[in-house]
């Protein structure tokens, strides 16, 4: 299974309070341990790293994330993102440009999106976006 993991899940999984358990982080851990194909896209990588203030923490996290392949976003996902945003707008559903790009990258690359951001539920309902579901 090919899975793009959204920033919302990475944020939960990478929190420093390791004594706090959350189901999303545990599922991500199992996906990684089971050798599932976990992918990043550039904007998600940027979102994960941009909140890290200490240089040594930044370097450590960057090295950790280097093992996950980065899907290149070429022309098609950008066009699909614009089409998706326009399509949803006509239905009265507003989504961010970044969410449209993440969704279109998942669609074009035949990946499921693992997220807990409810905005993607609306996107999936009206598009070909496949969400990774735990139940």
Protein backbone atom coordinates (compact mmCIF):
# COMPACT_ATOMS: atom_id res chain seq x y z
CA UNK A 1 0.00 0.00 0.00
CA UNK A 2 1.27 3.47 -0.93
CA UNK A 3 0.56 6.08 1.75
CA UNK A 4 1.26 9.79 1.97
CA UNK A 5 1.31 10.73 5.64
CA UNK A 6 -0.04 14.22 6.28
CA UNK A 7 1.56 16.75 8.60
CA UNK A 8 -1.24 16.28 11.15
CA UNK A 9 -0.20 12.66 11.73
CA UNK A 10 3.55 13.36 11.73
CA UNK A 11 2.97 16.11 14.31
CA UNK A 12 1.25 13.66 16.65
CA UNK A 13 3.90 10.99 16.11
CA UNK A 14 6.87 13.31 16.63
CA UNK A 15 5.70 15.07 19.78
CA UNK A 16 8.21 15.01 22.60
CA UNK A 17 5.78 13.77 25.23
CA UNK A 18 6.48 10.12 24.53
CA UNK A 19 4.44 9.11 27.57
CA UNK A 20 1.30 10.38 25.83
CA UNK A 21 -0.07 7.70 23.52
CA UNK A 22 -2.33 8.49 20.61
CA UNK A 23 -3.82 6.01 18.17
CA UNK A 24 -2.73 7.84 15.01
CA UNK A 25 0.93 7.79 16.06
CA UNK A 26 0.72 4.12 16.99
CA UNK A 27 -0.78 3.27 13.60
CA UNK A 28 1.97 5.21 11.81
CA UNK A 29 4.56 3.33 13.85
CA UNK A 30 3.00 0.01 12.79
CA UNK A 31 2.89 1.07 9.14
CA UNK A 32 6.59 1.89 9.27
CA UNK A 33 7.46 -1.32 11.13
CA UNK A 34 5.45 -3.37 8.60
CA UNK A 35 7.43 -1.87 5.73
CA UNK A 36 4.52 -0.10 4.07
CA UNK A 37 5.42 2.39 1.34
CA UNK A 38 5.32 5.71 3.21
CA UNK A 39 5.86 8.83 1.13
CA UNK A 40 6.37 12.52 1.71
CA UNK A 41 5.72 15.43 -0.58
CA UNK A 42 7.70 18.64 -0.38
CA UNK A 43 5.09 20.78 1.36
CA UNK A 44 4.55 18.17 4.08
CA UNK A 45 8.30 17.86 4.61
CA UNK A 46 8.52 21.64 4.89
CA UNK A 47 5.62 21.84 7.34
CA UNK A 48 7.18 19.18 9.57
CA UNK A 49 10.62 20.79 9.63
CA UNK A 50 9.70 24.47 9.79
CA UNK A 51 8.60 24.32 13.41
CA UNK A 52 11.93 22.98 14.69
CA UNK A 53 13.95 25.71 16.37
CA UNK A 54 17.11 23.93 17.52
CA UNK A 55 19.61 23.17 14.76
CA UNK A 56 20.53 19.77 16.22
CA UNK A 57 16.86 18.75 16.48
CA UNK A 58 16.30 19.95 12.91
CA UNK A 59 19.26 17.92 11.64
CA UNK A 60 18.17 14.81 13.56
CA UNK A 61 14.59 15.01 12.27
CA UNK A 62 15.73 15.74 8.71
CA UNK A 63 17.95 12.65 8.80
CA UNK A 64 15.08 10.54 10.18
CA UNK A 65 12.73 11.73 7.43
CA UNK A 66 15.35 11.13 4.69
CA UNK A 67 14.40 7.43 4.61
CA UNK A 68 10.91 8.25 3.34
CA UNK A 69 10.84 8.83 -0.43
CA UNK A 70 9.84 12.28 -1.61
CA UNK A 71 7.30 12.23 -4.43
CA UNK A 72 8.11 14.82 -7.05
CA UNK A 73 5.27 17.08 -7.93
CA UNK A 74 5.34 17.96 -11.58
CA UNK A 75 2.78 19.84 -13.66
CA UNK A 76 -0.18 17.42 -13.52
CA UNK A 77 -0.82 17.54 -9.75
CA UNK A 78 -0.83 21.35 -9.82
CA UNK A 79 -3.41 21.38 -12.59
CA UNK A 80 -5.48 18.71 -10.81
CA UNK A 81 -5.26 20.74 -7.59
CA UNK A 82 -6.68 23.79 -9.36
CA UNK A 83 -9.45 21.69 -10.92
CA UNK A 84 -10.22 20.13 -7.54
CA UNK A 85 -10.35 23.49 -5.78
CA UNK A 86 -12.64 24.89 -8.50
CA UNK A 87 -14.87 21.79 -8.42
CA UNK A 88 -15.29 21.94 -4.65
CA UNK A 89 -15.82 25.69 -4.70
CA UNK A 90 -18.79 25.20 -7.03
CA UNK A 91 -20.23 22.87 -4.42
CA UNK A 92 -19.76 25.49 -1.71
CA UNK A 93 -16.77 23.71 -0.16
CA UNK A 94 -13.72 25.84 0.53
CA UNK A 95 -10.34 24.16 0.85
CA UNK A 96 -6.86 25.59 1.13
CA UNK A 97 -4.49 25.62 -1.83
CA UNK A 98 -2.09 23.38 0.11
CA UNK A 99 -4.80 20.82 0.92
CA UNK A 100 -5.81 20.76 -2.75
CA UNK A 101 -2.19 20.11 -3.72
CA UNK A 102 -1.75 17.35 -1.11
CA UNK A 103 -4.98 15.67 -2.26
CA UNK A 104 -4.08 15.91 -5.94
CA UNK A 105 -0.57 14.54 -5.29
CA UNK A 106 -2.15 11.53 -3.57
CA UNK A 107 -4.61 11.03 -6.42
CA UNK A 108 -2.05 11.37 -9.23
CA UNK A 109 0.46 9.07 -7.47
CA UNK A 110 -2.19 6.47 -6.57
CA UNK A 111 -1.58 6.85 -2.84
CA UNK A 112 -3.88 6.83 0.14
CA UNK A 113 -3.65 9.86 2.39
CA UNK A 114 -3.27 9.23 6.12
CA UNK A 115 -4.56 12.29 7.93
CA UNK A 116 -6.78 13.30 10.79
CA UNK A 117 -7.62 16.64 9.16
CA UNK A 118 -11.38 16.54 8.60
CA UNK A 119 -11.11 18.89 5.59
CA UNK A 120 -9.86 15.90 3.63
CA UNK A 121 -13.09 14.02 4.37
CA UNK A 122 -14.94 16.65 2.31
CA UNK A 123 -12.34 16.42 -0.44
CA UNK A 124 -12.53 12.61 -0.57
CA UNK A 125 -16.33 12.70 -0.70
CA UNK A 126 -16.22 14.75 -3.91
CA UNK A 127 -13.08 13.43 -5.61
CA UNK A 128 -10.96 10.35 -6.26
CA UNK A 129 -8.94 10.91 -3.07
CA UNK A 130 -8.53 7.71 -1.06
CA UNK A 131 -8.07 8.14 2.66
CA UNK A 132 -6.21 5.60 4.76
CA UNK A 133 -8.74 4.34 7.28
CA UNK A 134 -7.89 2.43 10.39
CA UNK A 135 -11.28 0.85 10.85
